[in-house]
Amino acid sequence: MQARVYTVDDQEAWEAAAPAHVSVFGSVGYARVVQKHTGYPARLFVVSSDEGRIVHPFFLRPVSNLPFAARYASYRDTLTPEYTGPMELGATTPDLRYAFVQYWNQYCEDERIVAEFAHLHPAHRHTGLLCANDVHYNRDIVVVDLTLSDSDFWSRSFNDTCRSSIRRAHREGVRVFEGRTAADVREFHRIYTMTMERHNANARYFFPFEYFWSYCEELPENAFFLLAEHQNRVIAAKLYLYDNDEMYDFLGGMDINYQNLRASHAVIYAAIQWGQRQGKRRLILGGGHRPNDGVYQFKASFSPLRVPFSIYRHISRPALYADLCQAWTEYYGCALPHDADYFPAYRMLPPRDEGRAREVGG
């Protein structure tokens, strides 16, 4: 058994170990997009045998980029892409799983990893590879069964509000089309930015045009934009990522001035139809910002199906983690909230800033 660590410069090796058609979020193309935007080095940790392999994509974040942690220059924490965590590919055995855990723990020791955070895939591809005590249920998310027939969608999946909204968009002349040009992506960027401004979103949710165009360049076979227009004006748009079996409702927005036209419903319905034609098995719509909020209710109108979404939070160096949390309290002049769910806690801004926790350090 062998352990290897690939960077985005090892494109062929990364693609062979974790191809985009198996996991779009675990792909080298996605890693390159995020690394370029954030500056966080992307890595793929691979432990393989003759029969199978376990792959683990992640980003390295230097702790020293925090304003109170300059003296911790050699330490890092890790963050995974969405819907990943370690994944088993091919024929894996208990020995391979054991080897993965041992090699990974040694890697974290050698690289001075303080803490690990992972957004896990709802298919539980991580089973047996992560400490069960550090896997935490986060929320239920909405998924759409794309194997249904079109008539079954209308009778068994969409609720009354959803059916009515899709029909209204059609009556009002909303047209949905696939964005293929730079001009289309600029329209997506305009709609997305407008939506983030309306919600007073954190700065880390704003992206330049180049970030979105990178998906066309890096993932041309695994990403597409859908735009909805009315009277030649784009009023809603979404970016979808996909792999062999699944589609992911990734980023998007709408012009609130045209909310009554139900263009967002039309976009998701068009995505469902696209997934049916391409033979995808399910569309992961995700959840809301808070339990049962308006965003969740909107997504839930498309399907009664739910799957649990979990996260992984592991502290590799408890003493150093405690020191960083203490440095946080001294820098901001207040205690960390006891009920804070943000991890790692030392990457939180105090609640008085924008009224909620958010990441700092770039």
Protein backbone atom coordinates (compact mmCIF):
# COMPACT_ATOMS: atom_id res chain seq x y z
CA MET A 1 0.00 0.00 0.00
CA GLN A 2 1.22 3.46 -0.87
CA ALA A 3 0.35 6.99 0.23
CA ARG A 4 0.77 9.95 -2.09
CA VAL A 5 -0.12 13.63 -1.93
CA TYR A 6 -0.91 15.43 -5.20
CA THR A 7 -1.09 19.14 -5.96
CA VAL A 8 -2.98 20.79 -8.82
CA ASP A 9 0.26 20.65 -10.83
CA ASP A 10 -0.05 16.85 -10.80
CA GLN A 11 -3.06 17.05 -13.09
CA GLU A 12 -2.85 13.64 -14.75
CA ALA A 13 -2.21 11.79 -11.48
CA TRP A 14 -5.02 13.68 -9.70
CA GLU A 15 -7.47 13.00 -12.52
CA ALA A 16 -6.57 9.32 -12.56
CA ALA A 17 -7.04 8.99 -8.79
CA ALA A 18 -10.17 11.17 -8.44
CA PRO A 19 -11.78 11.86 -11.82
CA ALA A 20 -14.40 14.57 -12.09
CA HIS A 21 -17.02 12.12 -13.33
CA VAL A 22 -16.78 10.35 -9.95
CA SER A 23 -16.70 13.49 -7.77
CA VAL A 24 -16.85 16.93 -9.34
CA PHE A 25 -16.03 18.59 -6.01
CA GLY A 26 -13.07 16.27 -5.55
CA SER A 27 -11.71 17.00 -9.01
CA VAL A 28 -8.50 18.80 -9.87
CA GLY A 29 -10.53 21.31 -11.90
CA TYR A 30 -12.60 22.35 -8.88
CA ALA A 31 -9.47 22.39 -6.70
CA ARG A 32 -7.75 24.71 -9.16
CA VAL A 33 -10.70 27.13 -9.22
CA VAL A 34 -10.80 27.40 -5.43
CA GLN A 35 -7.03 27.55 -4.99
CA LYS A 36 -6.78 30.40 -7.47
CA HIS A 37 -9.57 32.32 -5.75
CA THR A 38 -8.62 31.78 -2.11
CA GLY A 39 -4.89 31.17 -2.28
CA TYR A 40 -5.30 28.05 -0.16
CA PRO A 41 -3.14 25.21 -1.55
CA ALA A 42 -5.25 22.29 -2.77
CA ARG A 43 -4.16 18.71 -2.09
CA LEU A 44 -5.35 15.20 -2.86
CA PHE A 45 -4.28 12.56 -0.34
CA VAL A 46 -4.35 9.06 -1.86
CA VAL A 47 -3.75 5.69 -0.24
CA SER A 48 -3.92 2.86 -2.74
CA SER A 49 -3.54 -0.88 -3.11
CA ASP A 50 -3.59 -3.05 -6.23
CA GLU A 51 -7.39 -3.32 -6.05
CA GLY A 52 -8.61 0.06 -4.85
CA ARG A 53 -7.84 3.41 -3.34
CA ILE A 54 -9.07 5.97 -0.84
CA VAL A 55 -8.88 9.61 -1.89
CA HIS A 56 -9.24 12.68 0.29
CA PRO A 57 -9.31 16.18 -1.31
CA PHE A 58 -8.69 19.18 0.92
CA PHE A 59 -7.29 22.69 1.19
CA LEU A 60 -4.50 23.79 3.53
CA ARG A 61 -5.15 27.04 5.40
CA PRO A 62 -2.24 28.70 7.21
CA VAL A 63 -3.11 29.61 10.78
CA SER A 64 -0.71 32.57 10.60
CA ASN A 65 -3.09 34.44 8.28
CA LEU A 66 -5.20 35.22 11.35
CA PRO A 67 -4.46 38.65 12.88
CA PHE A 68 -3.54 37.20 16.28
CA ALA A 69 -1.57 34.12 15.17
CA ALA A 70 1.56 35.37 13.43
CA ARG A 71 3.78 33.32 15.73
CA TYR A 72 2.16 30.09 14.53
CA ALA A 73 3.66 30.36 11.04
CA SER A 74 4.32 26.63 10.61
CA TYR A 75 0.80 25.45 11.54
CA ARG A 76 -2.25 24.89 9.33
CA ASP A 77 -5.80 23.61 9.39
CA THR A 78 -7.68 21.77 6.65
CA LEU A 79 -10.97 22.34 4.88
CA THR A 80 -12.53 20.01 2.31
CA PRO A 81 -14.53 20.94 -0.78
CA GLU A 82 -18.31 20.61 -0.55
CA TYR A 83 -19.76 17.10 -0.46
CA THR A 84 -16.48 15.24 -0.22
CA GLY A 85 -14.44 13.94 2.69
CA PRO A 86 -12.43 10.74 2.14
CA MET A 87 -13.93 8.49 -0.53
CA GLU A 88 -13.43 4.81 -1.35
CA LEU A 89 -12.94 3.95 -5.02
CA GLY A 90 -12.56 0.46 -6.42
CA ALA A 91 -12.25 -2.59 -4.18
CA THR A 92 -11.27 -1.49 -0.68
CA THR A 93 -10.48 -3.72 2.29
CA PRO A 94 -10.25 -3.29 6.06
CA ASP A 95 -6.47 -3.26 5.68
CA LEU A 96 -6.66 -0.40 3.20
CA ARG A 97 -8.95 1.57 5.49
CA TYR A 98 -6.61 0.98 8.41
CA ALA A 99 -3.65 2.09 6.29
CA PHE A 100 -5.48 5.25 5.24
CA VAL A 101 -6.12 6.24 8.85
CA GLN A 102 -2.51 5.61 9.84
CA TYR A 103 -1.02 7.44 6.85
CA TRP A 104 -3.39 10.36 7.23
CA ASN A 105 -2.67 10.77 10.93
CA GLN A 106 1.03 10.78 10.17
CA TYR A 107 0.53 13.37 7.44
CA CYS A 108 -1.34 15.64 9.84
CA GLU A 109 1.46 15.26 12.36
CA ASP A 110 4.17 16.02 9.81
CA GLU A 111 2.30 19.01 8.36
CA ARG A 112 1.44 20.40 11.80
CA ILE A 113 -2.31 20.33 11.25
CA VAL A 114 -4.20 21.90 14.15
CA ALA A 115 -7.76 21.04 13.13
CA GLU A 116 -9.70 19.38 10.31
CA PHE A 117 -13.08 20.42 8.95
CA ALA A 118 -14.94 18.48 6.26
CA HIS A 119 -18.22 18.91 4.38
CA LEU A 120 -19.20 15.27 3.94
CA HIS A 121 -21.03 13.73 1.04
CA PRO A 122 -24.55 12.62 2.03
CA ALA A 123 -23.88 9.16 0.56
CA HIS A 124 -21.65 8.46 3.60
CA ARG A 125 -18.58 7.67 1.51
CA HIS A 126 -16.46 8.33 4.61
CA THR A 127 -17.83 5.42 6.68
CA GLY A 128 -15.05 3.78 8.68
CA LEU A 129 -12.48 6.36 7.61
CA LEU A 130 -13.22 9.11 10.13
CA CYS A 131 -13.61 9.05 13.89
CA ALA A 132 -17.34 8.57 14.44
CA ASN A 133 -17.30 10.89 17.48
CA ASP A 134 -16.14 13.75 15.26
CA VAL A 135 -18.86 13.30 12.61
CA HIS A 136 -21.81 15.54 13.41
CA TYR A 137 -25.25 15.67 11.85
CA ASN A 138 -25.80 19.19 10.54
CA ARG A 139 -29.22 19.23 8.88
CA ASP A 140 -31.47 17.51 6.38
CA ILE A 141 -31.07 18.63 2.79
CA VAL A 142 -33.47 18.38 -0.14
CA VAL A 143 -32.78 16.00 -3.02
CA VAL A 144 -34.77 15.40 -6.21
CA ASP A 145 -35.11 11.91 -7.68
CA LEU A 146 -34.23 12.39 -11.35
CA THR A 147 -35.20 8.84 -12.26
CA LEU A 148 -38.89 9.78 -12.08
CA SER A 149 -40.84 10.31 -15.26
CA ASP A 150 -42.00 13.82 -16.08
CA SER A 151 -45.58 12.94 -15.14
CA ASP A 152 -44.40 11.54 -11.78
CA PHE A 153 -42.63 14.82 -11.03
CA TRP A 154 -45.89 16.68 -11.38
CA SER A 155 -47.92 14.15 -9.39
CA ARG A 156 -45.45 12.88 -6.77
CA SER A 157 -42.54 15.30 -6.40
CA PHE A 158 -43.64 18.92 -6.89
CA ASN A 159 -46.06 20.34 -4.33
CA ASP A 160 -49.01 22.56 -5.24
CA THR A 161 -47.05 25.79 -4.87
CA CYS A 162 -44.23 24.50 -7.05
CA ARG A 163 -46.58 23.31 -9.80
CA SER A 164 -48.40 26.63 -9.79
CA SER A 165 -45.16 28.61 -9.91
CA ILE A 166 -43.69 26.66 -12.83
CA ARG A 167 -46.91 27.11 -14.79
CA ARG A 168 -46.99 30.83 -14.01
CA ALA A 169 -43.41 31.30 -15.25
CA HIS A 170 -44.41 29.59 -18.49
CA ARG A 171 -47.54 31.75 -18.90
CA GLU A 172 -45.54 34.93 -18.28
CA GLY A 173 -43.12 34.05 -21.05
CA VAL A 174 -40.04 33.30 -18.92
CA ARG A 175 -37.44 31.58 -21.11
CA VAL A 176 -34.65 29.45 -19.63
CA PHE A 177 -31.47 28.87 -21.61
CA GLU A 178 -27.98 27.53 -21.05
CA GLY A 179 -25.30 30.18 -20.66
CA ARG A 180 -22.43 29.51 -23.04
CA THR A 181 -20.65 32.82 -23.59
CA ALA A 182 -18.67 35.26 -21.48
CA ALA A 183 -21.60 37.69 -21.82
CA ASP A 184 -23.93 35.05 -20.34
CA VAL A 185 -21.60 34.45 -17.41
CA ARG A 186 -21.39 38.21 -16.83
CA GLU A 187 -25.18 38.27 -16.58
CA PHE A 188 -24.98 35.41 -14.07
CA HIS A 189 -22.38 37.41 -12.12
CA ARG A 190 -24.66 40.45 -12.10
CA ILE A 191 -27.63 38.47 -10.81
CA TYR A 192 -25.55 36.61 -8.22
CA THR A 193 -23.90 39.79 -6.90
CA MET A 194 -27.23 41.57 -6.72
CA THR A 195 -28.62 38.68 -4.66
CA MET A 196 -25.68 38.69 -2.22
CA GLU A 197 -26.02 42.45 -1.75
CA ARG A 198 -29.73 42.11 -1.07
CA HIS A 199 -29.05 39.55 1.65
CA ASN A 200 -26.16 41.57 3.12
CA ALA A 201 -23.98 38.49 2.68
CA ASN A 202 -20.55 38.06 4.15
CA ALA A 203 -17.67 39.30 1.98
CA ARG A 204 -16.47 35.73 1.37
CA TYR A 205 -19.64 35.01 -0.62
CA PHE A 206 -18.83 37.66 -3.20
CA PHE A 207 -16.80 36.52 -6.22
CA PRO A 208 -15.37 38.32 -9.23
CA PHE A 209 -16.48 37.46 -12.75
CA GLU A 210 -13.23 35.56 -13.31
CA TYR A 211 -14.12 33.10 -10.56
CA PHE A 212 -17.28 32.01 -12.37
CA TRP A 213 -15.65 32.00 -15.80
CA SER A 214 -13.05 29.62 -14.34
CA TYR A 215 -15.73 26.93 -14.16
CA CYS A 216 -16.13 27.14 -17.93
CA GLU A 217 -12.38 26.77 -18.36
CA GLU A 218 -11.61 24.15 -15.71
CA LEU A 219 -14.80 22.06 -15.71
CA PRO A 220 -16.32 22.35 -19.19
CA GLU A 221 -17.78 18.81 -18.94
CA ASN A 222 -18.99 19.13 -15.35
CA ALA A 223 -20.49 22.60 -14.98
CA PHE A 224 -23.14 24.69 -16.72
CA PHE A 225 -25.08 27.90 -16.21
CA LEU A 226 -28.83 28.26 -16.60
CA LEU A 227 -30.31 31.72 -17.07
CA ALA A 228 -33.94 32.83 -17.12
CA GLU A 229 -34.93 35.88 -19.11
CA HIS A 230 -38.13 37.87 -19.51
CA GLN A 231 -38.54 40.37 -22.33
CA ASN A 232 -34.83 40.03 -23.13
CA ARG A 233 -33.70 40.74 -19.57
CA VAL A 234 -32.01 38.07 -17.42
CA ILE A 235 -33.89 37.89 -14.13
CA ALA A 236 -32.63 34.64 -12.51
CA ALA A 237 -29.61 32.37 -12.93
CA LYS A 238 -27.92 29.33 -11.42
CA LEU A 239 -24.62 27.47 -11.70
CA TYR A 240 -24.86 23.68 -11.61
CA LEU A 241 -22.05 21.18 -11.14
CA TYR A 242 -22.43 17.49 -11.90
CA ASP A 243 -20.68 14.15 -12.04
CA ASN A 244 -21.79 10.71 -13.21
CA ASP A 245 -24.86 10.30 -11.03
CA GLU A 246 -25.56 13.59 -9.32
CA MET A 247 -26.21 17.25 -10.02
CA TYR A 248 -25.57 19.96 -7.47
CA ASP A 249 -27.48 23.24 -7.22
CA PHE A 250 -24.38 25.27 -6.45
CA LEU A 251 -24.70 29.08 -6.70
CA GLY A 252 -27.30 31.43 -8.07
CA GLY A 253 -29.73 34.25 -7.51
CA MET A 254 -32.66 36.26 -8.85
CA ASP A 255 -33.75 39.84 -9.47
CA ILE A 256 -36.22 40.51 -6.67
CA ASN A 257 -38.06 43.04 -8.86
CA TYR A 258 -39.32 40.13 -10.96
CA GLN A 259 -40.07 37.71 -8.15
CA ASN A 260 -43.72 37.43 -9.15
CA LEU A 261 -42.70 35.79 -12.44
CA ARG A 262 -41.34 32.72 -10.59
CA ALA A 263 -38.24 32.54 -12.76
CA SER A 264 -36.27 30.62 -10.11
CA HIS A 265 -38.83 27.82 -10.26
CA ALA A 266 -38.46 27.75 -14.02
CA VAL A 267 -34.66 27.47 -13.75
CA ILE A 268 -34.76 24.50 -11.38
CA TYR A 269 -37.40 22.77 -13.48
CA ALA A 270 -35.15 23.22 -16.52
CA ALA A 271 -32.25 21.75 -14.52
CA ILE A 272 -34.38 18.75 -13.60
CA GLN A 273 -35.26 18.19 -17.25
CA TRP A 274 -31.59 18.48 -18.21
CA GLY A 275 -30.67 15.90 -15.58
CA GLN A 276 -33.34 13.52 -16.86
CA ARG A 277 -32.02 13.78 -20.41
CA GLN A 278 -28.45 13.16 -19.24
CA GLY A 279 -29.35 10.13 -17.13
CA LYS A 280 -28.46 11.64 -13.75
CA ARG A 281 -29.92 9.96 -10.69
CA ARG A 282 -30.53 12.86 -8.35
CA LEU A 283 -30.28 16.62 -7.96
CA ILE A 284 -28.96 17.82 -4.60
CA LEU A 285 -30.70 21.11 -3.86
CA GLY A 286 -29.26 21.51 -0.35
CA GLY A 287 -30.91 23.22 2.58
CA GLY A 288 -31.57 26.68 3.96
CA HIS A 289 -29.59 29.12 6.06
CA ARG A 290 -31.61 28.18 9.13
CA PRO A 291 -33.98 25.29 9.90
CA ASN A 292 -37.19 25.52 7.91
CA ASP A 293 -36.48 29.03 6.61
CA GLY A 294 -37.81 30.45 3.36
CA VAL A 295 -34.90 29.11 1.29
CA TYR A 296 -35.48 25.62 2.65
CA GLN A 297 -39.22 25.82 1.99
CA PHE A 298 -38.56 26.93 -1.59
CA LYS A 299 -36.28 23.95 -2.24
CA ALA A 300 -38.60 21.56 -0.40
CA SER A 301 -41.42 22.46 -2.80
CA PHE A 302 -39.63 20.47 -5.52
CA SER A 303 -39.33 17.18 -3.66
CA PRO A 304 -40.42 15.35 -0.49
CA LEU A 305 -37.06 13.53 -0.30
CA ARG A 306 -34.50 14.41 2.39
CA VAL A 307 -31.05 13.09 3.20
CA PRO A 308 -28.90 13.89 6.26
CA PHE A 309 -25.92 16.17 5.71
CA SER A 310 -23.02 15.81 8.17
CA ILE A 311 -19.79 17.62 8.88
CA TYR A 312 -16.50 16.46 10.38
CA ARG A 313 -14.75 18.45 13.08
CA HIS A 314 -11.51 17.08 14.48
CA ILE A 315 -8.91 18.75 16.69
CA SER A 316 -5.49 17.26 15.98
CA ARG A 317 -3.55 19.41 18.46
CA PRO A 318 -5.80 20.18 21.44
CA ALA A 319 -3.27 22.29 23.35
CA LEU A 320 -2.47 24.48 20.36
CA TYR A 321 -6.16 24.74 19.50
CA ALA A 322 -6.82 26.01 23.03
CA ASP A 323 -3.94 28.50 22.70
CA LEU A 324 -5.39 29.86 19.47
CA CYS A 325 -8.83 30.22 21.06
CA GLN A 326 -7.24 32.08 23.96
CA ALA A 327 -5.36 34.32 21.53
CA TRP A 328 -8.71 35.00 19.86
CA THR A 329 -10.29 36.14 23.13
CA GLU A 330 -7.35 38.41 23.93
CA TYR A 331 -7.31 39.95 20.46
CA TYR A 332 -11.06 40.65 20.31
CA GLY A 333 -11.48 41.41 23.99
CA CYS A 334 -14.39 39.03 24.53
CA ALA A 335 -15.01 35.36 25.23
CA LEU A 336 -15.85 32.90 22.50
CA PRO A 337 -19.62 32.24 22.53
CA HIS A 338 -20.26 28.98 24.39
CA ASP A 339 -22.96 27.95 21.93
CA ALA A 340 -20.97 28.86 18.82
CA ASP A 341 -21.14 26.13 16.20
CA TYR A 342 -18.41 27.58 14.00
CA PHE A 343 -15.33 25.43 13.53
CA PRO A 344 -12.51 25.93 14.06
CA ALA A 345 -13.63 28.47 16.67
CA TYR A 346 -10.52 30.59 16.28
CA ARG A 347 -11.62 31.51 12.72
CA MET A 348 -14.74 33.23 14.02
CA LEU A 349 -15.27 36.96 14.28
CA PRO A 350 -17.02 38.14 17.44
CA PRO A 351 -20.83 38.11 17.20
CA ARG A 352 -20.98 41.88 17.51
CA ASP A 353 -19.39 42.13 14.04
CA GLU A 354 -22.26 41.86 11.54
CA GLY A 355 -24.27 40.06 14.21
CA ARG A 356 -22.97 36.60 13.33
CA ALA A 357 -19.85 34.49 13.10
CA ARG A 358 -17.83 34.48 9.93
CA GLU A 359 -14.43 33.41 8.68
CA VAL A 360 -11.45 35.74 8.80
CA GLY A 361 -7.95 35.64 7.38
CA GLY A 362 -8.60 35.44 3.64
